[in-house]
């Protein structure tokens, strides 16, 4: 088996300001998707109520 030397990791301090924009964007996309999914579900249920009953 090949012998690999030790790897060096460079650790940097992560501040909340650095990742806040990414998390906020994810949250906004998640909320938009949830809203659209709930709306689509309601529309499908109303259409089922109208055409199947």
C-alpha atoms as a PDB file:
ATOM      1  CA  UNK A   1       0.000   0.000   0.000  1.00  0.00           C
ATOM      2  CA  UNK A   2       1.299   3.448  -0.850  1.00  0.00           C
ATOM      3  CA  UNK A   3       2.482   5.560   2.032  1.00  0.00           C
ATOM      4  CA  UNK A   4       1.080   9.066   1.914  1.00  0.00           C
ATOM      5  CA  UNK A   5       2.572  11.870   3.923  1.00  0.00           C
ATOM      6  CA  UNK A   6       0.564  13.842   6.427  1.00  0.00           C
ATOM      7  CA  UNK A   7      -1.790  16.436   5.010  1.00  0.00           C
ATOM      8  CA  UNK A   8      -1.826  19.968   6.314  1.00  0.00           C
ATOM      9  CA  UNK A   9      -5.155  21.635   6.895  1.00  0.00           C
ATOM     10  CA  UNK A  10      -5.371  25.380   6.991  1.00  0.00           C
ATOM     11  CA  UNK A  11      -8.118  26.369   9.409  1.00  0.00           C
ATOM     12  CA  UNK A  12      -9.605  29.825   9.190  1.00  0.00           C
ATOM     13  CA  UNK A  13     -12.078  31.477  11.504  1.00  0.00           C
ATOM     14  CA  UNK A  14     -15.620  31.510  10.137  1.00  0.00           C
ATOM     15  CA  UNK A  15     -17.755  34.458  11.128  1.00  0.00           C
ATOM     16  CA  UNK A  16     -21.517  34.518  10.979  1.00  0.00           C
ATOM     17  CA  UNK A  17     -21.450  37.503   8.618  1.00  0.00           C
ATOM     18  CA  UNK A  18     -19.597  35.374   6.075  1.00  0.00           C
ATOM     19  CA  UNK A  19     -22.349  32.773   5.742  1.00  0.00           C
ATOM     20  CA  UNK A  20     -25.449  34.782   6.650  1.00  0.00           C
ATOM     21  CA  UNK A  21     -26.277  35.817   3.058  1.00  0.00           C
ATOM     22  CA  UNK A  22     -26.118  32.202   1.876  1.00  0.00           C
ATOM     23  CA  UNK A  23     -28.364  31.009   4.700  1.00  0.00           C
ATOM     24  CA  UNK A  24     -30.829  33.852   4.152  1.00  0.00           C
ATOM     25  CA  UNK A  25     -31.033  33.003   0.445  1.00  0.00           C
ATOM     26  CA  UNK A  26     -31.662  29.347   1.248  1.00  0.00           C
ATOM     27  CA  UNK A  27     -34.365  30.285   3.764  1.00  0.00           C
ATOM     28  CA  UNK A  28     -36.131  32.581   1.295  1.00  0.00           C
ATOM     29  CA  UNK A  29     -36.045  29.906  -1.430  1.00  0.00           C
ATOM     30  CA  UNK A  30     -37.347  27.304   1.028  1.00  0.00           C
ATOM     31  CA  UNK A  31     -40.220  29.532   2.117  1.00  0.00           C
ATOM     32  CA  UNK A  32     -41.131  30.339  -1.502  1.00  0.00           C
ATOM     33  CA  UNK A  33     -41.118  26.640  -2.383  1.00  0.00           C
ATOM     34  CA  UNK A  34     -43.239  25.800   0.642  1.00  0.00           C
ATOM     35  CA  UNK A  35     -45.760  28.492  -0.278  1.00  0.00           C
ATOM     36  CA  UNK A  36     -46.004  27.260  -3.878  1.00  0.00           C
ATOM     37  CA  UNK A  37     -46.369  23.634  -2.719  1.00  0.00           C
ATOM     38  CA  UNK A  38     -49.175  24.534  -0.298  1.00  0.00           C
ATOM     39  CA  UNK A  39     -50.934  26.544  -3.005  1.00  0.00           C
ATOM     40  CA  UNK A  40     -50.636  23.722  -5.531  1.00  0.00           C
ATOM     41  CA  UNK A  41     -52.006  21.242  -2.991  1.00  0.00           C
ATOM     42  CA  UNK A  42     -55.003  23.458  -2.279  1.00  0.00           C
ATOM     43  CA  UNK A  43     -55.701  23.897  -5.995  1.00  0.00           C
ATOM     44  CA  UNK A  44     -55.505  20.146  -6.612  1.00  0.00           C
ATOM     45  CA  UNK A  45     -57.850  19.432  -3.703  1.00  0.00           C
ATOM     46  CA  UNK A  46     -60.365  22.038  -4.911  1.00  0.00           C
ATOM     47  CA  UNK A  47     -60.267  20.607  -8.444  1.00  0.00           C
ATOM     48  CA  UNK A  48     -60.788  17.104  -7.041  1.00  0.00           C
ATOM     49  CA  UNK A  49     -63.733  18.384  -5.016  1.00  0.00           C
ATOM     50  CA  UNK A  50     -65.285  20.003  -8.074  1.00  0.00           C
ATOM     51  CA  UNK A  51     -64.789  17.192 -10.608  1.00  0.00           C
ATOM     52  CA  UNK A  52     -64.897  14.034  -8.500  1.00  0.00           C
ATOM     53  CA  UNK A  53     -67.797  14.738  -6.158  1.00  0.00           C
END
